[in-house]
């Protein structure tokens, strides 16, 4: 008859967490502490689970089982890291390494290596350490470590630009995990997350959507809220890229709720993703609020940089993006996402020399990497060409970017490329330019991308046209108050918004109407009422 430990691990693998807790706590020894800690963690008792696994580490070490002690020590270190306690995390990783100091090389060393791979300073180092962990897993027949290491290796390979090899490894890991090869439910969750994070980074939206559905079902069935928070943020990235912004907001709200209830320190990526969305929606005050107290991470810095660029501070934006690039650690896809707005920032600051350097760096990344990086490079090149008077070159690059983003099913970026195409046609083919700009404006309007709508409206006004319904309902309301002679402070008081938000509305209204001052805007308001 199976003993309590065997039954406990079976219950844990089947996500019967209450049963697992009862079985493990009815047994004795290091393994019972180990299993009880993991079961309580999955049940949502995070601090209790952490304390039990710390006790398991000590018990394994006391019995001379250095390999299991190291594995548990690595897990404890990771939990402290994601909860924002970096000093405790570093201490526990050192304990995991030290317990192996006099032990022969085995899978325990592999668990330390895979954690070091996740914290590596560069993508190259991450790949090297993950590959070593994978070999140790295979040499010592540890299926959990093998799946874990293979998924970390695949994610690093995708980040380095080798999507074909990376996805092959990631999907091999998932196939093994979902076939029941692994013993630990946590390993399966990590493999899922590594795969969809890589999909989102590479803009492989079809593959990402397929796996996100699996992840959502997996997390919901098992009630794993920590996994839900992390994965729904990545899912939201996929939804934003594919133009499903309402669904993305819902996913981000779910993720933030999950983080608030469990690990607030994990919310940085979620907050940054939502802030980027708010900038593109023209909701700058909300983005500002979200980014107060942000962490020094590339995505958070990118969001703040795009906010500053939208507020007319291109030099500040460029400095923030350079800092973000320094933290990208050789992740080519992250670098590409940062270099594209860096070109825009330098162009907005009329620093064509630095814009050229950033565009060339982006083009170099595009050689031999994903189609996504090539699309960003073409868009940056189009903007640079048009800024320097090369309309033909700008047109060619804009068309290349439009084709690539269209094939990737990324409507916001495709609209941006279409708008550059319109700018390249203004002098030679103004009617076609109007059609392209109007099409871009329509996509932006459907998405709710206020900043894009403003940019497209400027091109249309240059061509003697205004898009129908250019003002939002809120802006129409503000315009009526401007026409009545109210100040920004009075508008804010009337509409129960901040004075800064009222000022943003007024600025956008003047820009859209082509009005030089509030008096001209009032005249235009009268014309619109006719």
Protein backbone atom coordinates (compact mmCIF):
# COMPACT_ATOMS: atom_id res chain seq x y z
CA UNK A 1 0.00 0.00 0.00
CA UNK A 2 1.47 3.41 -0.93
CA UNK A 3 2.84 5.38 2.00
CA UNK A 4 1.78 8.92 2.96
CA UNK A 5 4.70 10.55 1.12
CA UNK A 6 3.96 8.76 -2.16
CA UNK A 7 0.27 9.64 -1.87
CA UNK A 8 1.16 13.23 -0.93
CA UNK A 9 3.23 13.75 -4.07
CA UNK A 10 0.47 12.21 -6.18
CA UNK A 11 -2.10 14.57 -4.65
CA UNK A 12 0.21 17.53 -5.27
CA UNK A 13 0.72 16.55 -8.93
CA UNK A 14 -3.07 16.34 -9.32
CA UNK A 15 -3.49 19.77 -7.64
CA UNK A 16 -5.39 18.29 -4.68
CA UNK A 17 -3.65 20.68 -2.33
CA UNK A 18 -5.79 20.08 0.77
CA UNK A 19 -5.22 16.34 0.50
CA UNK A 20 -1.51 16.88 -0.07
CA UNK A 21 -1.18 19.07 3.05
CA UNK A 22 -2.97 16.46 5.20
CA UNK A 23 -0.84 13.60 3.87
CA UNK A 24 2.50 15.36 4.20
CA UNK A 25 1.72 16.75 7.64
CA UNK A 26 0.80 13.25 8.74
CA UNK A 27 4.31 12.07 7.90
CA UNK A 28 7.74 12.91 9.30
CA UNK A 29 11.14 13.87 7.97
CA UNK A 30 12.71 16.25 5.46
CA UNK A 31 10.62 15.08 2.51
CA UNK A 32 7.39 15.57 4.47
CA UNK A 33 8.41 19.16 5.28
CA UNK A 34 9.38 19.67 1.64
CA UNK A 35 6.04 18.47 0.26
CA UNK A 36 3.95 20.20 2.92
CA UNK A 37 5.68 23.50 2.19
CA UNK A 38 5.02 23.28 -1.53
CA UNK A 39 1.41 22.19 -1.01
CA UNK A 40 0.73 25.09 1.37
CA UNK A 41 2.37 27.52 -1.10
CA UNK A 42 0.08 26.35 -3.88
CA UNK A 43 -2.87 26.61 -1.51
CA UNK A 44 -2.07 30.31 -1.12
CA UNK A 45 -0.36 30.14 2.27
CA UNK A 46 2.83 31.65 0.93
CA UNK A 47 4.70 32.51 4.12
CA UNK A 48 3.77 29.21 5.76
CA UNK A 49 4.94 27.31 2.69
CA UNK A 50 8.19 29.23 2.63
CA UNK A 51 8.87 28.51 6.32
CA UNK A 52 8.24 24.79 5.87
CA UNK A 53 10.59 24.54 2.92
CA UNK A 54 13.27 26.44 4.82
CA UNK A 55 12.91 23.76 7.51
CA UNK A 56 13.13 21.08 4.79
CA UNK A 57 16.43 22.58 3.58
CA UNK A 58 17.89 22.28 7.08
CA UNK A 59 16.59 18.73 7.47
CA UNK A 60 18.00 17.58 4.12
CA UNK A 61 21.36 19.19 4.89
CA UNK A 62 21.45 17.55 8.33
CA UNK A 63 20.98 14.10 6.78
CA UNK A 64 23.68 14.73 4.16
CA UNK A 65 21.26 14.97 1.21
CA UNK A 66 23.03 17.96 -0.36
CA UNK A 67 21.28 17.58 -3.73
CA UNK A 68 17.74 17.92 -2.36
CA UNK A 69 18.85 20.63 0.05
CA UNK A 70 20.24 22.65 -2.87
CA UNK A 71 17.04 22.23 -4.90
CA UNK A 72 14.90 23.48 -2.01
CA UNK A 73 17.36 26.30 -1.26
CA UNK A 74 17.11 27.50 -4.86
CA UNK A 75 13.31 27.51 -4.64
CA UNK A 76 13.37 29.51 -1.39
CA UNK A 77 15.80 31.97 -2.97
CA UNK A 78 13.48 32.48 -5.96
CA UNK A 79 10.46 33.11 -3.71
CA UNK A 80 12.32 35.77 -1.77
CA UNK A 81 13.42 37.37 -5.05
CA UNK A 82 9.93 37.65 -6.55
CA UNK A 83 8.55 38.97 -3.26
CA UNK A 84 11.04 41.87 -3.40
CA UNK A 85 13.42 40.65 -0.69
CA UNK A 86 16.60 40.55 -2.76
CA UNK A 87 19.07 40.38 0.14
CA UNK A 88 17.37 37.31 1.62
CA UNK A 89 17.23 35.83 -1.88
CA UNK A 90 20.98 36.25 -2.39
CA UNK A 91 21.65 34.68 1.00
CA UNK A 92 19.60 31.61 0.22
CA UNK A 93 21.20 31.14 -3.18
CA UNK A 94 24.60 31.24 -1.46
CA UNK A 95 23.38 28.62 1.05
CA UNK A 96 22.29 26.39 -1.84
CA UNK A 97 25.74 26.70 -3.43
CA UNK A 98 27.56 26.16 -0.15
CA UNK A 99 25.68 22.97 0.76
CA UNK A 100 27.07 21.48 -2.48
CA UNK A 101 30.65 22.59 -1.83
CA UNK A 102 31.96 19.14 -0.91
CA UNK A 103 29.35 17.05 -2.74
CA UNK A 104 30.09 15.26 -6.03
CA UNK A 105 28.58 16.94 -9.09
CA UNK A 106 24.97 15.87 -9.54
CA UNK A 107 21.51 17.25 -10.26
CA UNK A 108 21.71 19.52 -7.20
CA UNK A 109 24.41 21.47 -9.03
CA UNK A 110 22.02 21.58 -11.99
CA UNK A 111 19.31 23.29 -9.91
CA UNK A 112 21.79 25.95 -8.85
CA UNK A 113 22.91 26.40 -12.46
CA UNK A 114 19.37 26.85 -13.77
CA UNK A 115 18.71 29.55 -11.18
CA UNK A 116 21.96 31.29 -12.08
CA UNK A 117 20.86 31.08 -15.72
CA UNK A 118 17.67 32.95 -14.86
CA UNK A 119 19.70 35.69 -13.16
CA UNK A 120 22.51 35.86 -15.71
CA UNK A 121 23.91 39.23 -16.69
CA UNK A 122 23.65 38.40 -20.42
CA UNK A 123 21.57 36.16 -22.65
CA UNK A 124 24.77 34.32 -23.68
CA UNK A 125 25.55 33.48 -20.05
CA UNK A 126 21.95 32.39 -19.48
CA UNK A 127 22.17 29.99 -22.44
CA UNK A 128 25.49 28.57 -21.27
CA UNK A 129 24.30 27.92 -17.71
CA UNK A 130 20.95 26.49 -18.82
CA UNK A 131 22.73 24.12 -21.22
CA UNK A 132 24.99 22.91 -18.39
CA UNK A 133 21.95 22.38 -16.13
CA UNK A 134 20.26 20.43 -18.93
CA UNK A 135 23.24 18.13 -19.29
CA UNK A 136 23.37 17.51 -15.53
CA UNK A 137 19.65 16.74 -15.54
CA UNK A 138 20.08 14.15 -18.27
CA UNK A 139 23.20 12.66 -16.70
CA UNK A 140 21.42 12.20 -13.37
CA UNK A 141 17.93 11.44 -14.72
CA UNK A 142 16.06 14.33 -13.13
CA UNK A 143 13.00 14.98 -15.36
CA UNK A 144 11.86 18.10 -13.46
CA UNK A 145 15.26 19.71 -13.83
CA UNK A 146 15.43 18.64 -17.50
CA UNK A 147 12.09 20.29 -18.35
CA UNK A 148 12.95 23.40 -16.33
CA UNK A 149 16.43 23.79 -17.87
CA UNK A 150 15.19 23.12 -21.39
CA UNK A 151 12.52 25.83 -21.08
CA UNK A 152 14.99 28.38 -19.67
CA UNK A 153 17.42 27.52 -22.48
CA UNK A 154 14.71 27.89 -25.13
CA UNK A 155 13.65 31.26 -23.79
CA UNK A 156 17.27 32.47 -23.86
CA UNK A 157 17.69 31.24 -27.44
CA UNK A 158 14.58 33.14 -28.56
CA UNK A 159 15.84 36.27 -26.79
CA UNK A 160 19.17 35.89 -28.60
CA UNK A 161 17.37 35.89 -31.94
CA UNK A 162 17.33 32.16 -32.73
CA UNK A 163 13.56 31.68 -32.63
CA UNK A 164 13.55 28.38 -34.52
CA UNK A 165 15.90 26.62 -32.11
CA UNK A 166 14.39 28.33 -29.06
CA UNK A 167 10.80 27.34 -29.81
CA UNK A 168 11.89 23.80 -30.61
CA UNK A 169 13.38 23.50 -27.10
CA UNK A 170 10.45 25.27 -25.43
CA UNK A 171 7.88 23.05 -27.08
CA UNK A 172 9.89 19.93 -26.30
CA UNK A 173 9.85 20.99 -22.65
CA UNK A 174 6.10 21.56 -22.77
CA UNK A 175 5.44 18.26 -24.49
CA UNK A 176 7.38 16.41 -21.79
CA UNK A 177 5.75 18.37 -18.95
CA UNK A 178 2.20 17.98 -20.23
CA UNK A 179 2.77 14.25 -20.81
CA UNK A 180 3.19 13.80 -17.06
CA UNK A 181 6.97 13.37 -17.08
CA UNK A 182 7.49 15.91 -14.30
CA UNK A 183 6.70 15.29 -10.65
CA UNK A 184 6.35 18.90 -9.57
CA UNK A 185 3.41 21.03 -10.67
CA UNK A 186 5.63 24.10 -10.26
CA UNK A 187 7.90 22.85 -13.05
CA UNK A 188 4.96 22.57 -15.43
CA UNK A 189 3.89 26.11 -14.61
CA UNK A 190 7.39 27.49 -15.22
CA UNK A 191 7.61 25.72 -18.58
CA UNK A 192 4.25 27.21 -19.60
CA UNK A 193 5.30 30.71 -18.61
CA UNK A 194 8.69 30.55 -20.33
CA UNK A 195 7.02 29.47 -23.56
CA UNK A 196 4.38 32.19 -23.73
CA UNK A 197 6.84 34.89 -22.61
CA UNK A 198 9.08 33.90 -25.51
CA UNK A 199 6.09 33.88 -27.89
CA UNK A 200 5.06 37.37 -26.83
CA UNK A 201 8.59 38.71 -27.12
CA UNK A 202 8.95 37.30 -30.64
CA UNK A 203 5.45 38.50 -31.64
CA UNK A 204 4.50 34.93 -32.52
CA UNK A 205 0.89 35.83 -31.73
CA UNK A 206 -0.75 32.71 -33.08
CA UNK A 207 1.46 30.40 -31.04
CA UNK A 208 1.17 32.66 -28.00
CA UNK A 209 -2.63 32.77 -28.15
CA UNK A 210 -2.81 28.99 -28.38
CA UNK A 211 -0.57 28.50 -25.35
CA UNK A 212 -2.20 31.32 -23.38
CA UNK A 213 -5.51 29.50 -23.63
CA UNK A 214 -3.84 26.42 -22.21
CA UNK A 215 -2.19 28.44 -19.45
CA UNK A 216 -5.43 30.15 -18.46
CA UNK A 217 -7.24 26.84 -18.27
CA UNK A 218 -4.34 25.27 -16.38
CA UNK A 219 -4.20 28.07 -13.79
CA UNK A 220 -7.97 28.32 -13.38
CA UNK A 221 -8.46 24.57 -12.95
CA UNK A 222 -5.79 24.44 -10.24
CA UNK A 223 -6.42 27.79 -8.60
CA UNK A 224 -2.80 28.91 -8.99
CA UNK A 225 -3.14 32.67 -8.61
CA UNK A 226 0.59 33.47 -8.77
CA UNK A 227 0.77 31.77 -12.15
CA UNK A 228 -2.39 33.56 -13.26
CA UNK A 229 -0.87 36.95 -12.46
CA UNK A 230 2.38 36.34 -14.31
CA UNK A 231 0.83 34.68 -17.32
CA UNK A 232 -2.08 37.07 -17.74
CA UNK A 233 0.40 39.95 -18.01
CA UNK A 234 2.07 38.17 -20.92
CA UNK A 235 -1.35 37.32 -22.33
CA UNK A 236 -2.18 41.04 -22.17
CA UNK A 237 0.97 41.80 -24.19
CA UNK A 238 -0.35 39.45 -26.86
CA UNK A 239 -3.78 41.10 -26.77
CA UNK A 240 -2.28 44.60 -27.04
CA UNK A 241 -0.11 43.60 -30.00
CA UNK A 242 -3.04 41.97 -31.80
CA UNK A 243 -5.29 45.01 -31.29
CA UNK A 244 -7.64 43.56 -28.67
CA UNK A 245 -7.12 46.41 -26.21
CA UNK A 246 -10.37 46.03 -24.25
CA UNK A 247 -9.52 42.40 -23.54
CA UNK A 248 -5.96 43.42 -22.64
CA UNK A 249 -7.26 45.85 -20.01
CA UNK A 250 -9.35 43.06 -18.49
CA UNK A 251 -6.36 40.69 -18.42
CA UNK A 252 -4.15 43.33 -16.81
CA UNK A 253 -6.79 44.09 -14.17
CA UNK A 254 -6.95 40.38 -13.34
CA UNK A 255 -3.15 40.20 -13.12
CA UNK A 256 -2.91 43.24 -10.84
CA UNK A 257 -5.59 41.79 -8.59
CA UNK A 258 -3.68 38.50 -8.40
CA UNK A 259 -0.43 40.29 -7.54
CA UNK A 260 -2.07 42.45 -4.87
CA UNK A 261 -3.40 39.33 -3.16
CA UNK A 262 -0.13 37.42 -3.34
CA UNK A 263 3.16 39.02 -4.36
CA UNK A 264 2.93 42.80 -4.97
CA UNK A 265 6.61 42.86 -6.03
CA UNK A 266 5.68 40.82 -9.12
CA UNK A 267 3.42 43.61 -10.41
CA UNK A 268 6.16 45.71 -12.08
CA UNK A 269 5.73 44.23 -15.56
CA UNK A 270 1.93 44.39 -15.29
CA UNK A 271 1.96 48.05 -14.25
CA UNK A 272 4.44 48.95 -17.01
CA UNK A 273 2.37 47.18 -19.67
CA UNK A 274 -0.76 49.00 -18.53
CA UNK A 275 1.11 52.33 -18.46
CA UNK A 276 2.31 51.81 -22.06
CA UNK A 277 -1.27 51.12 -23.08
CA UNK A 278 -2.44 54.29 -21.32
CA UNK A 279 0.16 56.38 -23.17
CA UNK A 280 -1.05 55.03 -26.49
CA UNK A 281 -4.61 55.77 -25.46
CA UNK A 282 -3.60 59.35 -24.68
CA UNK A 283 -4.43 58.87 -20.99
CA UNK A 284 -1.20 60.46 -19.83
CA UNK A 285 -2.21 61.43 -16.31
CA UNK A 286 -3.16 57.82 -15.58
CA UNK A 287 0.14 56.58 -17.01
CA UNK A 288 2.00 59.06 -14.80
CA UNK A 289 0.20 57.80 -11.72
CA UNK A 290 0.90 54.16 -12.58
CA UNK A 291 4.61 54.81 -13.02
CA UNK A 292 5.19 56.67 -9.77
CA UNK A 293 7.62 54.59 -7.74
CA UNK A 294 8.46 52.41 -10.74
CA UNK A 295 11.39 50.00 -10.63
CA UNK A 296 14.56 50.20 -12.71
CA UNK A 297 13.50 47.58 -15.24
CA UNK A 298 13.60 47.93 -19.06
CA UNK A 299 9.82 47.72 -19.57
CA UNK A 300 9.09 50.27 -16.81
CA UNK A 301 11.74 52.62 -18.19
CA UNK A 302 10.31 52.24 -21.69
CA UNK A 303 6.84 53.13 -20.45
CA UNK A 304 8.13 56.21 -18.66
CA UNK A 305 10.19 57.22 -21.72
CA UNK A 306 7.18 56.96 -24.04
CA UNK A 307 5.18 59.04 -21.56
CA UNK A 308 7.87 61.75 -21.54
CA UNK A 309 8.03 61.68 -25.34
CA UNK A 310 4.26 62.15 -25.51
CA UNK A 311 4.61 65.10 -23.12
CA UNK A 312 7.18 66.77 -25.39
CA UNK A 313 10.34 65.87 -23.44
CA UNK A 314 12.36 63.92 -26.05
CA UNK A 315 15.78 64.33 -24.42
CA UNK A 316 14.50 62.94 -21.14
CA UNK A 317 12.87 60.08 -23.05
CA UNK A 318 16.14 59.29 -24.83
CA UNK A 319 18.08 59.21 -21.55
CA UNK A 320 15.54 56.81 -20.02
CA UNK A 321 15.66 54.53 -23.07
CA UNK A 322 19.47 54.42 -22.96
CA UNK A 323 19.25 53.30 -19.33
CA UNK A 324 16.73 50.65 -20.29
CA UNK A 325 19.02 49.40 -23.06
CA UNK A 326 21.84 49.03 -20.55
CA UNK A 327 19.58 46.71 -18.57
CA UNK A 328 18.48 44.60 -21.57
CA UNK A 329 21.54 42.35 -21.07
CA UNK A 330 21.82 41.18 -24.67
CA UNK A 331 18.12 40.39 -25.11
CA UNK A 332 17.78 41.31 -28.80
CA UNK A 333 13.99 41.48 -28.82
CA UNK A 334 13.91 43.79 -25.81
CA UNK A 335 16.62 45.93 -27.39
CA UNK A 336 14.56 46.20 -30.59
CA UNK A 337 11.50 47.37 -28.64
CA UNK A 338 13.64 50.05 -26.99
CA UNK A 339 15.62 51.20 -30.00
CA UNK A 340 12.50 52.00 -32.04
CA UNK A 341 11.22 54.71 -29.63
CA UNK A 342 14.83 55.84 -29.11
CA UNK A 343 15.01 56.77 -32.80
CA UNK A 344 11.73 58.69 -32.36
CA UNK A 345 13.07 60.51 -29.30
CA UNK A 346 16.26 61.61 -31.04
CA UNK A 347 14.29 62.76 -34.10
CA UNK A 348 11.91 64.74 -31.88
CA UNK A 349 14.96 66.41 -30.35
CA UNK A 350 16.30 67.13 -33.88
CA UNK A 351 19.39 65.03 -33.08
CA UNK A 352 19.69 63.28 -36.42
CA UNK A 353 23.17 61.95 -35.73
CA UNK A 354 22.07 60.01 -32.67
CA UNK A 355 18.87 58.94 -34.42
CA UNK A 356 20.97 57.50 -37.23
CA UNK A 357 23.19 55.62 -34.75
CA UNK A 358 20.13 54.10 -33.03
CA UNK A 359 18.56 53.17 -36.39
CA UNK A 360 21.77 51.50 -37.55
CA UNK A 361 21.97 49.57 -34.29
CA UNK A 362 18.40 48.41 -34.86
CA UNK A 363 19.14 47.41 -38.46
CA UNK A 364 22.13 45.39 -37.24
CA UNK A 365 19.88 43.52 -34.81
CA UNK A 366 17.44 42.79 -37.63
CA UNK A 367 20.00 40.84 -39.64
CA UNK A 368 19.39 37.16 -39.08
CA UNK A 369 16.77 37.61 -36.34
CA UNK A 370 12.99 37.67 -36.28
CA UNK A 371 10.66 39.37 -38.74
CA UNK A 372 9.44 41.52 -35.85
CA UNK A 373 12.84 43.16 -35.39
CA UNK A 374 13.03 43.75 -39.13
CA UNK A 375 9.62 45.45 -39.03
CA UNK A 376 10.74 47.79 -36.22
CA UNK A 377 13.98 48.52 -38.10
CA UNK A 378 12.12 49.40 -41.30
CA UNK A 379 9.74 51.72 -39.44
CA UNK A 380 12.63 53.52 -37.73
CA UNK A 381 14.44 53.82 -41.05
CA UNK A 382 11.33 55.29 -42.68
CA UNK A 383 11.03 57.97 -40.00
CA UNK A 384 14.71 58.80 -40.22
CA UNK A 385 14.61 59.06 -44.02
CA UNK A 386 11.59 61.37 -43.96
CA UNK A 387 13.16 63.55 -41.27
CA UNK A 388 16.21 64.05 -43.48
CA UNK A 389 14.20 64.78 -46.66
CA UNK A 390 14.56 61.36 -48.34
CA UNK A 391 10.92 60.81 -49.30
CA UNK A 392 11.63 57.96 -51.72
CA UNK A 393 13.71 56.07 -49.15
CA UNK A 394 11.10 56.75 -46.50
CA UNK A 395 8.36 55.41 -48.74
CA UNK A 396 10.27 52.21 -49.48
CA UNK A 397 10.97 51.53 -45.79
CA UNK A 398 7.41 52.42 -44.74
CA UNK A 399 5.98 49.93 -47.25
CA UNK A 400 8.37 47.25 -46.02
CA UNK A 401 7.36 47.91 -42.41
CA UNK A 402 3.65 47.99 -43.28
CA UNK A 403 3.89 44.63 -45.02
CA UNK A 404 5.76 43.04 -42.10
CA UNK A 405 3.49 44.37 -39.34
CA UNK A 406 0.46 43.42 -41.41
CA UNK A 407 1.72 39.85 -41.74
CA UNK A 408 2.38 39.78 -37.98
CA UNK A 409 -1.22 40.96 -37.34
CA UNK A 410 -0.09 43.96 -35.28
CA UNK A 411 -2.60 46.70 -36.21
CA UNK A 412 -1.21 49.55 -34.07
CA UNK A 413 2.27 49.19 -35.52
CA UNK A 414 0.87 48.65 -39.03
CA UNK A 415 -1.08 51.92 -38.69
CA UNK A 416 2.14 53.68 -37.65
CA UNK A 417 3.86 52.37 -40.80
CA UNK A 418 0.88 53.42 -42.93
CA UNK A 419 1.07 56.93 -41.51
CA UNK A 420 4.75 57.17 -42.47
CA UNK A 421 3.76 56.01 -45.95
CA UNK A 422 1.19 58.83 -46.05
CA UNK A 423 3.86 61.38 -45.06
CA UNK A 424 6.11 60.14 -47.83
CA UNK A 425 3.34 60.71 -50.39
CA UNK A 426 2.23 64.22 -49.36
CA UNK A 427 4.24 66.14 -51.97
CA UNK A 428 3.96 63.75 -54.91
CA UNK A 429 0.58 62.03 -54.48
CA UNK A 430 -1.53 64.05 -52.01
CA UNK A 431 -4.80 62.21 -52.74
CA UNK A 432 -3.19 58.85 -52.01
CA UNK A 433 -1.54 60.36 -48.94
CA UNK A 434 -5.00 61.40 -47.68
CA UNK A 435 -6.34 57.88 -48.19
CA UNK A 436 -3.42 56.33 -46.29
CA UNK A 437 -3.62 58.84 -43.44
CA UNK A 438 -7.39 58.39 -43.17
CA UNK A 439 -6.95 54.60 -43.07
CA UNK A 440 -4.35 54.93 -40.30
CA UNK A 441 -6.66 57.28 -38.37
CA UNK A 442 -9.50 54.76 -38.67
CA UNK A 443 -7.38 51.94 -37.22
CA UNK A 444 -6.21 54.14 -34.38
CA UNK A 445 -9.80 55.19 -33.64
CA UNK A 446 -10.98 51.58 -33.56
CA UNK A 447 -8.17 50.71 -31.14
CA UNK A 448 -8.73 53.77 -28.97
CA UNK A 449 -5.18 54.96 -29.67
CA UNK A 450 -5.63 58.67 -29.02
CA UNK A 451 -1.97 59.56 -29.59
CA UNK A 452 -2.03 57.86 -33.00
CA UNK A 453 -5.29 59.59 -33.93
CA UNK A 454 -3.71 62.95 -33.10
CA UNK A 455 -0.69 62.18 -35.31
CA UNK A 456 -2.86 61.05 -38.23
CA UNK A 457 -5.13 64.09 -37.83
CA UNK A 458 -2.11 66.39 -38.15
CA UNK A 459 -1.20 64.80 -41.49
CA UNK A 460 -4.78 65.09 -42.71
CA UNK A 461 -4.98 68.76 -41.72
CA UNK A 462 -1.74 69.37 -43.60
CA UNK A 463 -3.54 67.94 -46.61
CA UNK A 464 -6.59 70.15 -46.04
CA UNK A 465 -8.78 67.49 -44.43
CA UNK A 466 -10.06 66.63 -40.98
CA UNK A 467 -11.14 63.13 -39.99
CA UNK A 468 -14.83 62.94 -39.17
CA UNK A 469 -15.50 62.70 -35.45
CA UNK A 470 -11.98 63.77 -34.57
CA UNK A 471 -12.89 65.00 -31.09
CA UNK A 472 -13.80 62.50 -28.39
CA UNK A 473 -17.01 63.06 -26.40
CA UNK A 474 -14.97 64.31 -23.44
CA UNK A 475 -13.01 66.71 -25.68
CA UNK A 476 -16.24 68.04 -27.17
CA UNK A 477 -17.45 68.66 -23.63
CA UNK A 478 -14.21 70.48 -22.75
CA UNK A 479 -14.39 72.51 -25.97
CA UNK A 480 -17.84 73.81 -25.00
CA UNK A 481 -16.45 74.95 -21.65
CA UNK A 482 -13.50 76.61 -23.40
CA UNK A 483 -15.98 78.42 -25.65
CA UNK A 484 -17.78 79.68 -22.52
CA UNK A 485 -14.47 81.22 -21.39
CA UNK A 486 -13.65 78.83 -18.53
CA UNK A 487 -10.06 78.47 -17.39
CA UNK A 488 -8.37 75.08 -17.01
CA UNK A 489 -8.95 75.26 -13.26
CA UNK A 490 -12.65 76.01 -13.76
CA UNK A 491 -12.96 73.19 -16.32
CA UNK A 492 -11.31 70.79 -13.86
CA UNK A 493 -13.73 71.81 -11.13
CA UNK A 494 -16.77 71.50 -13.41
CA UNK A 495 -15.81 68.03 -14.72
CA UNK A 496 -14.28 66.69 -11.48
CA UNK A 497 -10.88 66.08 -13.07
CA UNK A 498 -7.42 67.38 -12.23
CA UNK A 499 -6.27 70.71 -13.63
CA UNK A 500 -3.37 68.91 -15.33
CA UNK A 501 -5.82 66.56 -17.11
CA UNK A 502 -7.93 69.54 -18.17
CA UNK A 503 -4.79 71.13 -19.62
CA UNK A 504 -4.00 67.95 -21.58
CA UNK A 505 -7.52 67.98 -23.05
CA UNK A 506 -7.28 71.64 -24.05
CA UNK A 507 -3.85 71.13 -25.68
CA UNK A 508 -5.14 68.19 -27.74
CA UNK A 509 -8.24 70.14 -28.78
CA UNK A 510 -6.16 73.10 -30.00
CA UNK A 511 -3.89 70.71 -31.91
CA UNK A 512 -6.76 68.85 -33.56
CA UNK A 513 -8.61 72.01 -34.53
CA UNK A 514 -5.47 73.74 -35.77
CA UNK A 515 -6.34 76.60 -33.42
CA UNK A 516 -3.57 78.88 -32.15
CA UNK A 517 -5.41 79.90 -28.99
CA UNK A 518 -8.60 79.46 -26.98
CA UNK A 519 -10.38 82.24 -28.88
CA UNK A 520 -9.89 80.44 -32.19
CA UNK A 521 -11.06 77.22 -30.55
CA UNK A 522 -14.24 79.01 -29.40
CA UNK A 523 -14.91 80.11 -32.98
CA UNK A 524 -14.42 76.56 -34.17
CA UNK A 525 -16.82 75.31 -31.48
CA UNK A 526 -19.50 77.64 -32.85
CA UNK A 527 -18.86 76.32 -36.38
CA UNK A 528 -19.20 72.71 -35.18
CA UNK A 529 -22.57 73.50 -33.60
CA UNK A 530 -23.93 74.83 -36.92
